[in-house]
PDB file of N, CA and C in Angstrom:
ATOM      1  N   MET A   1     -25.402  19.474  23.053  1.00  0.00           N
ATOM      2  CA  MET A   1     -24.575  20.024  21.958  1.00  0.00           C
ATOM      3  C   MET A   1     -23.853  21.257  22.515  1.00  0.00           C
ATOM      4  N   ARG A   2     -24.548  22.287  22.848  1.00  0.00           N
ATOM      5  CA  ARG A   2     -23.832  23.008  23.318  1.00  0.00           C
ATOM      6  C   ARG A   2     -23.073  23.317  24.260  1.00  0.00           C
ATOM      7  N   ILE A   3     -23.477  22.533  25.309  1.00  0.00           N
ATOM      8  CA  ILE A   3     -22.631  22.440  26.497  1.00  0.00           C
ATOM      9  C   ILE A   3     -21.339  22.223  26.320  1.00  0.00           C
ATOM     10  N   ILE A   4     -21.227  20.697  25.100  1.00  0.00           N
ATOM     11  CA  ILE A   4     -20.294  20.197  24.887  1.00  0.00           C
ATOM     12  C   ILE A   4     -18.908  20.797  23.561  1.00  0.00           C
ATOM     13  N   ALA A   5     -20.135  21.832  22.735  1.00  0.00           N
ATOM     14  CA  ALA A   5     -19.148  22.816  22.517  1.00  0.00           C
ATOM     15  C   ALA A   5     -18.270  23.597  23.392  1.00  0.00           C
ATOM     16  N   THR A   6     -19.534  23.882  24.572  1.00  0.00           N
ATOM     17  CA  THR A   6     -18.589  25.440  25.236  1.00  0.00           C
ATOM     18  C   THR A   6     -17.249  24.976  26.222  1.00  0.00           C
ATOM     19  N   ALA A   7     -17.574  23.603  26.504  1.00  0.00           N
ATOM     20  CA  ALA A   7     -16.698  22.683  27.524  1.00  0.00           C
ATOM     21  C   ALA A   7     -15.304  22.558  26.757  1.00  0.00           C
ATOM     22  N   SER A   8     -15.330  22.184  25.368  1.00  0.00           N
ATOM     23  CA  SER A   8     -14.243  22.067  24.896  1.00  0.00           C
ATOM     24  C   SER A   8     -13.475  23.761  24.011  1.00  0.00           C
ATOM     25  N   ALA A   9     -14.337  24.369  23.834  1.00  0.00           N
ATOM     26  CA  ALA A   9     -13.975  25.290  23.769  1.00  0.00           C
ATOM     27  C   ALA A   9     -13.100  26.246  24.947  1.00  0.00           C
ATOM     28  N   LEU A  10     -13.416  25.945  26.164  1.00  0.00           N
ATOM     29  CA  LEU A  10     -13.082  26.218  27.146  1.00  0.00           C
ATOM     30  C   LEU A  10     -11.307  25.549  27.715  1.00  0.00           C
ATOM     31  N   ALA A  11     -11.734  24.252  27.342  1.00  0.00           N
ATOM     32  CA  ALA A  11     -10.647  23.653  27.419  1.00  0.00           C
ATOM     33  C   ALA A  11      -9.383  23.661  26.588  1.00  0.00           C
ATOM     34  N   LEU A  12      -9.642  24.353  24.958  1.00  0.00           N
ATOM     35  CA  LEU A  12      -9.045  24.708  24.607  1.00  0.00           C
ATOM     36  C   LEU A  12      -8.426  25.832  24.608  1.00  0.00           C
ATOM     37  N   LEU A  13      -8.850  26.435  25.491  1.00  0.00           N
ATOM     38  CA  LEU A  13      -8.711  28.192  25.741  1.00  0.00           C
ATOM     39  C   LEU A  13      -7.662  28.085  26.978  1.00  0.00           C
ATOM     40  N   THR A  14      -8.230  26.971  28.021  1.00  0.00           N
ATOM     41  CA  THR A  14      -7.041  26.437  29.036  1.00  0.00           C
ATOM     42  C   THR A  14      -5.874  26.321  28.589  1.00  0.00           C
ATOM     43  N   PHE A  15      -5.877  25.027  27.990  1.00  0.00           N
ATOM     44  CA  PHE A  15      -4.616  24.250  27.805  1.00  0.00           C
ATOM     45  C   PHE A  15      -3.996  24.954  26.523  1.00  0.00           C
ATOM     46  N   GLY A  16      -4.271  25.680  25.316  1.00  0.00           N
ATOM     47  CA  GLY A  16      -3.409  26.749  24.759  1.00  0.00           C
ATOM     48  C   GLY A  16      -2.980  27.939  25.671  1.00  0.00           C
ATOM     49  N   SER A  17      -3.149  28.272  26.654  1.00  0.00           N
ATOM     50  CA  SER A  17      -2.658  29.627  27.284  1.00  0.00           C
ATOM     51  C   SER A  17      -1.710  29.120  28.294  1.00  0.00           C
ATOM     52  N   VAL A  18      -1.349  27.653  28.854  1.00  0.00           N
ATOM     53  CA  VAL A  18      -0.616  27.241  29.419  1.00  0.00           C
ATOM     54  C   VAL A  18       0.543  26.843  28.702  1.00  0.00           C
ATOM     55  N   GLY A  19       1.863  27.533  29.609  1.00  0.00           N
ATOM     56  CA  GLY A  19       3.259  27.272  28.936  1.00  0.00           C
ATOM     57  C   GLY A  19       3.916  26.390  28.962  1.00  0.00           C
ATOM     58  N   ALA A  20       5.073  26.218  29.212  1.00  0.00           N
ATOM     59  CA  ALA A  20       5.458  24.482  29.458  1.00  0.00           C
ATOM     60  C   ALA A  20       5.801  24.681  30.484  1.00  0.00           C
ATOM     61  N   ALA A  21       5.750  23.298  31.478  1.00  0.00           N
ATOM     62  CA  ALA A  21       5.614  23.162  32.773  1.00  0.00           C
ATOM     63  C   ALA A  21       6.774  23.104  33.227  1.00  0.00           C
ATOM     64  N   GLU A  22       7.956  23.478  34.223  1.00  0.00           N
ATOM     65  CA  GLU A  22       9.163  23.304  34.433  1.00  0.00           C
ATOM     66  C   GLU A  22       9.121  22.632  35.914  1.00  0.00           C
ATOM     67  N   ALA A  23       9.179  21.098  35.386  1.00  0.00           N
ATOM     68  CA  ALA A  23       9.123  19.697  36.429  1.00  0.00           C
ATOM     69  C   ALA A  23      10.071  19.538  37.332  1.00  0.00           C
ATOM     70  N   LYS A  24      11.400  20.351  37.230  1.00  0.00           N
ATOM     71  CA  LYS A  24      12.370  19.508  37.708  1.00  0.00           C
ATOM     72  C   LYS A  24      12.344  19.787  39.280  1.00  0.00           C
ATOM     73  N   GLY A  25      12.819  18.236  38.996  1.00  0.00           N
ATOM     74  CA  GLY A  25      12.840  17.721  40.797  1.00  0.00           C
ATOM     75  C   GLY A  25      11.381  17.162  41.207  1.00  0.00           C
ATOM     76  N   CYS A  26      10.171  17.855  40.707  1.00  0.00           N
ATOM     77  CA  CYS A  26       8.899  17.069  41.181  1.00  0.00           C
ATOM     78  C   CYS A  26       9.066  16.013  40.690  1.00  0.00           C
ATOM     79  N   ILE A  27       8.913  15.540  39.398  1.00  0.00           N
ATOM     80  CA  ILE A  27       8.601  14.449  38.924  1.00  0.00           C
ATOM     81  C   ILE A  27       9.381  13.087  39.915  1.00  0.00           C
ATOM     82  N   LYS A  28      10.943  13.218  40.371  1.00  0.00           N
ATOM     83  CA  LYS A  28      11.182  12.334  41.137  1.00  0.00           C
ATOM     84  C   LYS A  28      10.828  12.440  42.184  1.00  0.00           C
ATOM     85  N   GLY A  29      10.661  13.480  43.044  1.00  0.00           N
ATOM     86  CA  GLY A  29      10.299  13.521  44.712  1.00  0.00           C
ATOM     87  C   GLY A  29       8.862  13.044  44.197  1.00  0.00           C
ATOM     88  N   ALA A  30       7.672  13.137  43.308  1.00  0.00           N
ATOM     89  CA  ALA A  30       6.550  12.595  43.343  1.00  0.00           C
ATOM     90  C   ALA A  30       6.970  11.081  43.495  1.00  0.00           C
ATOM     91  N   ILE A  31       7.602  10.296  42.340  1.00  0.00           N
ATOM     92  CA  ILE A  31       7.927   9.116  42.419  1.00  0.00           C
ATOM     93  C   ILE A  31       8.230   8.488  44.260  1.00  0.00           C
ATOM     94  N   ILE A  32       9.217   8.909  44.436  1.00  0.00           N
ATOM     95  CA  ILE A  32       9.532   8.437  45.367  1.00  0.00           C
ATOM     96  C   ILE A  32       8.963   8.764  46.600  1.00  0.00           C
ATOM     97  N   GLY A  33       8.354   9.994  46.718  1.00  0.00           N
ATOM     98  CA  GLY A  33       6.992  10.026  47.622  1.00  0.00           C
ATOM     99  C   GLY A  33       6.009   9.470  47.496  1.00  0.00           C
ATOM    100  N   GLY A  34       5.669   9.076  46.636  1.00  0.00           N
ATOM    101  CA  GLY A  34       4.373   8.140  46.360  1.00  0.00           C
ATOM    102  C   GLY A  34       4.638   6.652  46.828  1.00  0.00           C
ATOM    103  N   LEU A  35       5.823   6.182  46.355  1.00  0.00           N
ATOM    104  CA  LEU A  35       6.138   4.985  46.753  1.00  0.00           C
ATOM    105  C   LEU A  35       6.399   4.899  48.513  1.00  0.00           C
ATOM    106  N   ALA A  36       6.929   5.698  48.865  1.00  0.00           N
ATOM    107  CA  ALA A  36       7.069   5.838  50.794  1.00  0.00           C
ATOM    108  C   ALA A  36       6.061   6.183  50.832  1.00  0.00           C
ATOM    109  N   GLY A  37       5.323   6.815  50.420  1.00  0.00           N
ATOM    110  CA  GLY A  37       3.753   7.285  51.603  1.00  0.00           C
ATOM    111  C   GLY A  37       2.869   6.153  51.137  1.00  0.00           C
ATOM    112  N   HIS A  38       3.019   4.639  49.697  1.00  0.00           N
ATOM    113  CA  HIS A  38       2.243   4.036  49.536  1.00  0.00           C
ATOM    114  C   HIS A  38       2.366   2.900  50.718  1.00  0.00           C
ATOM    115  N   TYR A  39       3.769   2.734  50.781  1.00  0.00           N
ATOM    116  CA  TYR A  39       4.161   1.396  51.705  1.00  0.00           C
ATOM    117  C   TYR A  39       4.224   1.578  53.425  1.00  0.00           C
ATOM    118  N   LEU A  40       4.513   3.321  53.286  1.00  0.00           N
ATOM    119  CA  LEU A  40       4.969   3.216  54.964  1.00  0.00           C
ATOM    120  C   LEU A  40       3.422   3.729  55.555  1.00  0.00           C
ATOM    121  N   ALA A  41       2.622   4.668  55.100  1.00  0.00           N
ATOM    122  CA  ALA A  41       1.428   4.949  55.698  1.00  0.00           C
ATOM    123  C   ALA A  41       0.345   4.676  54.953  1.00  0.00           C
ATOM    124  N   GLU A  42       0.119   4.036  53.806  1.00  0.00           N
ATOM    125  CA  GLU A  42      -0.965   3.745  53.080  1.00  0.00           C
ATOM    126  C   GLU A  42      -1.347   4.983  52.479  1.00  0.00           C
ATOM    127  N   ARG A  43      -0.873   6.319  52.283  1.00  0.00           N
ATOM    128  CA  ARG A  43      -1.203   7.422  51.701  1.00  0.00           C
ATOM    129  C   ARG A  43      -0.092   7.941  50.720  1.00  0.00           C
ATOM    130  N   GLY A  44      -0.299   7.308  49.172  1.00  0.00           N
ATOM    131  CA  GLY A  44       0.639   7.403  48.348  1.00  0.00           C
ATOM    132  C   GLY A  44       0.247   8.996  47.821  1.00  0.00           C
ATOM    133  N   VAL A  45      -0.982   9.321  47.463  1.00  0.00           N
ATOM    134  CA  VAL A  45      -1.191  10.597  46.812  1.00  0.00           C
ATOM    135  C   VAL A  45      -0.633  11.710  47.770  1.00  0.00           C
ATOM    136  N   VAL A  46      -0.598  11.606  49.095  1.00  0.00           N
ATOM    137  CA  VAL A  46      -0.258  12.732  49.901  1.00  0.00           C
ATOM    138  C   VAL A  46       1.504  12.294  50.001  1.00  0.00           C
ATOM    139  N   GLY A  47       2.008  11.314  49.763  1.00  0.00           N
ATOM    140  CA  GLY A  47       3.502  11.051  49.488  1.00  0.00           C
ATOM    141  C   GLY A  47       3.969  11.536  48.501  1.00  0.00           C
ATOM    142  N   ALA A  48       2.992  11.717  47.251  1.00  0.00           N
ATOM    143  CA  ALA A  48       3.362  11.780  46.149  1.00  0.00           C
ATOM    144  C   ALA A  48       3.306  13.689  46.087  1.00  0.00           C
ATOM    145  N   VAL A  49       2.632  14.425  46.925  1.00  0.00           N
ATOM    146  CA  VAL A  49       2.079  15.527  46.822  1.00  0.00           C
ATOM    147  C   VAL A  49       3.704  16.387  47.432  1.00  0.00           C
ATOM    148  N   ALA A  50       3.789  15.609  48.675  1.00  0.00           N
ATOM    149  CA  ALA A  50       5.107  15.681  49.566  1.00  0.00           C
ATOM    150  C   ALA A  50       6.279  16.057  49.266  1.00  0.00           C
ATOM    151  N   GLY A  51       6.739  14.845  48.257  1.00  0.00           N
ATOM    152  CA  GLY A  51       7.964  14.667  47.611  1.00  0.00           C
ATOM    153  C   GLY A  51       8.096  15.444  46.238  1.00  0.00           C
ATOM    154  N   CYS A  52       7.015  15.911  45.759  1.00  0.00           N
ATOM    155  CA  CYS A  52       6.796  17.182  44.721  1.00  0.00           C
ATOM    156  C   CYS A  52       7.354  18.077  44.932  1.00  0.00           C
ATOM    157  N   LEU A  53       6.948  18.411  46.064  1.00  0.00           N
ATOM    158  CA  LEU A  53       7.079  20.084  47.099  1.00  0.00           C
ATOM    159  C   LEU A  53       8.716  19.488  47.411  1.00  0.00           C
ATOM    160  N   GLY A  54       9.095  18.842  48.247  1.00  0.00           N
ATOM    161  CA  GLY A  54      10.704  18.679  48.185  1.00  0.00           C
ATOM    162  C   GLY A  54      11.231  18.804  47.439  1.00  0.00           C
ATOM    163  N   GLY A  55      10.962  17.676  46.502  1.00  0.00           N
ATOM    164  CA  GLY A  55      11.965  17.639  44.877  1.00  0.00           C
ATOM    165  C   GLY A  55      12.253  19.222  44.487  1.00  0.00           C
ATOM    166  N   ARG A  56      11.060  20.020  44.750  1.00  0.00           N
ATOM    167  CA  ARG A  56      10.674  21.407  43.722  1.00  0.00           C
ATOM    168  C   ARG A  56      12.082  22.346  44.356  1.00  0.00           C
ATOM    169  N   TYR A  57      11.593  21.925  45.966  1.00  0.00           N
ATOM    170  CA  TYR A  57      12.631  22.654  46.787  1.00  0.00           C
ATOM    171  C   TYR A  57      14.396  22.547  46.783  1.00  0.00           C
ATOM    172  N   LEU A  58      14.279  20.858  46.565  1.00  0.00           N
ATOM    173  CA  LEU A  58      15.700  20.769  46.289  1.00  0.00           C
ATOM    174  C   LEU A  58      16.672  21.259  45.125  1.00  0.00           C
ATOM    175  N   ALA A  59      15.853  20.946  44.173  1.00  0.00           N
ATOM    176  CA  ALA A  59      16.208  21.715  42.681  1.00  0.00           C
ATOM    177  C   ALA A  59      16.512  23.301  42.647  1.00  0.00           C
ATOM    178  N   ASN A  60      15.692  23.825  43.241  1.00  0.00           N
ATOM    179  CA  ASN A  60      15.637  25.060  43.277  1.00  0.00           C
ATOM    180  C   ASN A  60      16.714  25.590  43.953  1.00  0.00           C
ATOM    181  N   ARG A  61      17.193  24.842  45.175  1.00  0.00           N
ATOM    182  CA  ARG A  61      18.096  25.275  46.022  1.00  0.00           C
ATOM    183  C   ARG A  61      19.753  25.192  45.380  1.00  0.00           C
ATOM    184  N   GLN A  62      19.672  23.464  44.637  1.00  0.00           N
ATOM    185  CA  GLN A  62      20.747  23.339  43.973  1.00  0.00           C
ATOM    186  C   GLN A  62      20.692  24.645  42.279  1.00  0.00           C
ATOM    187  N   ALA A  63      19.791  24.952  41.762  1.00  0.00           N
ATOM    188  CA  ALA A  63      19.969  25.717  40.951  1.00  0.00           C
ATOM    189  C   ALA A  63      20.096  26.965  41.225  1.00  0.00           C
ATOM    190  N   LYS A  64      19.942  27.233  42.690  1.00  0.00           N
ATOM    191  CA  LYS A  64      20.665  28.716  43.033  1.00  0.00           C
ATOM    192  C   LYS A  64      22.135  28.843  43.232  1.00  0.00           C
ATOM    193  N   ARG A  65      22.315  27.146  44.109  1.00  0.00           N
ATOM    194  CA  ARG A  65      23.935  27.155  44.309  1.00  0.00           C
ATOM    195  C   ARG A  65      24.829  27.362  42.841  1.00  0.00           C
ATOM    196  N   GLN A  66      24.368  26.582  41.694  1.00  0.00           N
ATOM    197  CA  GLN A  66      24.711  26.771  40.451  1.00  0.00           C
ATOM    198  C   GLN A  66      25.318  28.074  40.241  1.00  0.00           C
ATOM    199  N   ARG A  67      24.010  28.543  39.807  1.00  0.00           N
ATOM    200  CA  ARG A  67      23.813  29.936  39.487  1.00  0.00           C
ATOM    201  C   ARG A  67      25.264  30.879  40.207  1.00  0.00           C
ATOM    202  N   ASP A  68      25.001  30.808  41.996  1.00  0.00           N
ATOM    203  CA  ASP A  68      26.092  31.520  42.398  1.00  0.00           C
ATOM    204  C   ASP A  68      27.571  30.765  42.075  1.00  0.00           C
ATOM    205  N   ILE A  69      28.114  29.581  41.724  1.00  0.00           N
ATOM    206  CA  ILE A  69      28.861  29.328  41.252  1.00  0.00           C
ATOM    207  C   ILE A  69      29.257  30.100  40.098  1.00  0.00           C
ATOM    208  N   ASP A  70      28.871  29.526  39.157  1.00  0.00           N
ATOM    209  CA  ASP A  70      28.725  30.823  37.663  1.00  0.00           C
ATOM    210  C   ASP A  70      29.290  32.218  37.617  1.00  0.00           C
ATOM    211  N   TYR A  71      28.316  32.721  38.663  1.00  0.00           N
ATOM    212  CA  TYR A  71      28.707  34.046  38.703  1.00  0.00           C
ATOM    213  C   TYR A  71      30.092  33.921  39.340  1.00  0.00           C
ATOM    214  N   GLY A  72      30.506  33.438  40.037  1.00  0.00           N
ATOM    215  CA  GLY A  72      31.874  33.904  40.874  1.00  0.00           C
ATOM    216  C   GLY A  72      32.797  33.481  40.044  1.00  0.00           C
ATOM    217  N   SER A  73      32.936  32.232  38.976  1.00  0.00           N
ATOM    218  CA  SER A  73      33.916  31.995  37.551  1.00  0.00           C
ATOM    219  C   SER A  73      33.862  32.928  36.898  1.00  0.00           C
ATOM    220  N   ARG A  74      32.945  33.818  36.842  1.00  0.00           N
ATOM    221  CA  ARG A  74      32.856  34.630  35.250  1.00  0.00           C
ATOM    222  C   ARG A  74      33.593  36.235  36.508  1.00  0.00           C
ATOM    223  N   VAL A  75      33.615  36.411  37.579  1.00  0.00           N
ATOM    224  CA  VAL A  75      34.264  37.666  38.040  1.00  0.00           C
ATOM    225  C   VAL A  75      35.920  37.418  38.810  1.00  0.00           C
ATOM    226  N   GLU A  76      36.577  38.341  37.758  1.00  0.00           N
ATOM    227  CA  GLU A  76      37.932  37.918  38.151  1.00  0.00           C
ATOM    228  C   GLU A  76      38.326  39.534  39.146  1.00  0.00           C
ATOM    229  N   SER A  77      39.046  38.960  40.308  1.00  0.00           N
ATOM    230  CA  SER A  77      39.684  39.729  41.335  1.00  0.00           C
ATOM    231  C   SER A  77      40.546  40.929  40.576  1.00  0.00           C
ATOM    232  N   ARG A  78      40.336  42.004  41.278  1.00  0.00           N
ATOM    233  CA  ARG A  78      41.271  42.890  41.082  1.00  0.00           C
ATOM    234  C   ARG A  78      42.726  42.624  40.613  1.00  0.00           C
ATOM    235  N   GLY A  79      43.051  43.423  39.465  1.00  0.00           N
ATOM    236  CA  GLY A  79      44.536  43.231  39.234  1.00  0.00           C
ATOM    237  C   GLY A  79      45.021  42.080  38.381  1.00  0.00           C
ATOM    238  N   THR A  80      43.937  41.022  38.127  1.00  0.00           N
ATOM    239  CA  THR A  80      44.173  39.708  37.140  1.00  0.00           C
ATOM    240  C   THR A  80      44.041  40.033  35.583  1.00  0.00           C
ATOM    241  N   GLY A  81      43.892  41.232  35.437  1.00  0.00           N
ATOM    242  CA  GLY A  81      43.479  41.671  33.888  1.00  0.00           C
ATOM    243  C   GLY A  81      44.651  41.435  33.056  1.00  0.00           C
ATOM    244  N   TYR A  82      45.190  42.670  32.808  1.00  0.00           N
ATOM    245  CA  TYR A  82      46.101  43.025  31.844  1.00  0.00           C
ATOM    246  C   TYR A  82      47.607  43.125  32.814  1.00  0.00           C
ATOM    247  N   GLY A  83      48.333  41.911  33.481  1.00  0.00           N
ATOM    248  CA  GLY A  83      48.984  42.111  34.277  1.00  0.00           C
ATOM    249  C   GLY A  83      49.195  42.459  35.862  1.00  0.00           C
ATOM    250  N   GLN A  84      49.932  43.080  36.499  1.00  0.00           N
ATOM    251  CA  GLN A  84      49.917  43.510  37.993  1.00  0.00           C
ATOM    252  C   GLN A  84      49.349  44.773  37.946  1.00  0.00           C
ATOM    253  N   TYR A  85      48.560  45.277  39.137  1.00  0.00           N
ATOM    254  CA  TYR A  85      47.876  46.807  39.140  1.00  0.00           C
ATOM    255  C   TYR A  85      49.224  47.342  39.994  1.00  0.00           C
ATOM    256  N   GLN A  86      49.301  48.589  39.113  1.00  0.00           N
ATOM    257  CA  GLN A  86      50.467  49.447  39.512  1.00  0.00           C
ATOM    258  C   GLN A  86      50.038  50.475  40.198  1.00  0.00           C
ATOM    259  N   GLY A  87      48.599  50.727  41.005  1.00  0.00           N
ATOM    260  CA  GLY A  87      48.239  51.924  41.807  1.00  0.00           C
ATOM    261  C   GLY A  87      47.912  53.288  40.029  1.00  0.00           C
ATOM    262  N   PRO A  88      47.709  54.333  40.861  1.00  0.00           N
ATOM    263  CA  PRO A  88      47.386  55.195  40.402  1.00  0.00           C
ATOM    264  C   PRO A  88      48.625  55.686  39.109  1.00  0.00           C
ATOM    265  N   ALA A  89      48.117  55.964  37.817  1.00  0.00           N
ATOM    266  CA  ALA A  89      49.136  56.442  37.029  1.00  0.00           C
ATOM    267  C   ALA A  89      49.693  57.856  37.606  1.00  0.00           C
ATOM    268  N   ARG A  90      51.466  58.042  37.298  1.00  0.00           N
ATOM    269  CA  ARG A  90      51.993  58.661  37.807  1.00  0.00           C
ATOM    270  C   ARG A  90      52.115  59.760  36.570  1.00  0.00           C
ATOM    271  N   ARG A  91      51.845  60.943  36.822  1.00  0.00           N
ATOM    272  CA  ARG A  91      51.886  61.998  35.483  1.00  0.00           C
ATOM    273  C   ARG A  91      53.390  62.789  35.904  1.00  0.00           C
ATOM    274  N   ASN A  92      54.069  63.122  34.402  1.00  0.00           N
ATOM    275  CA  ASN A  92      55.242  63.685  34.405  1.00  0.00           C
ATOM    276  C   ASN A  92      55.140  64.808  33.531  1.00  0.00           C
ATOM    277  N   TYR A  93      55.137  65.944  34.018  1.00  0.00           N
ATOM    278  CA  TYR A  93      54.773  66.909  33.016  1.00  0.00           C
ATOM    279  C   TYR A  93      56.197  67.788  32.816  1.00  0.00           C
ATOM    280  N   SER A  94      56.848  66.977  32.954  1.00  0.00           N
ATOM    281  CA  SER A  94      57.836  67.834  32.542  1.00  0.00           C
ATOM    282  C   SER A  94      58.877  67.824  30.923  1.00  0.00           C
ATOM    283  N   TYR A  95      59.638  68.595  30.627  1.00  0.00           N
ATOM    284  CA  TYR A  95      59.640  68.780  29.328  1.00  0.00           C
ATOM    285  C   TYR A  95      60.946  68.387  28.783  1.00  0.00           C
TER     286      TYR A  95
END
């Protein structure tokens, strides 16, 4: 009984400390890789792991490209804010 209580407390502690998993790209890659590995080499688990890794890589690469595009759309080139850029202001000190 003590072993069951210890194991359940350890399981609750482990599952409670884990945050939300980001599996973007992994699930789709694992499904495709698992099917390909099963039919081509009869190694479905190896194909699923490789597909998950490949899917994560592609998802991260796409997210990085999207961040770069989003950043570039927010930055304006010089002189597009309030009319044309006219250079430094000339000061006229005459009265």
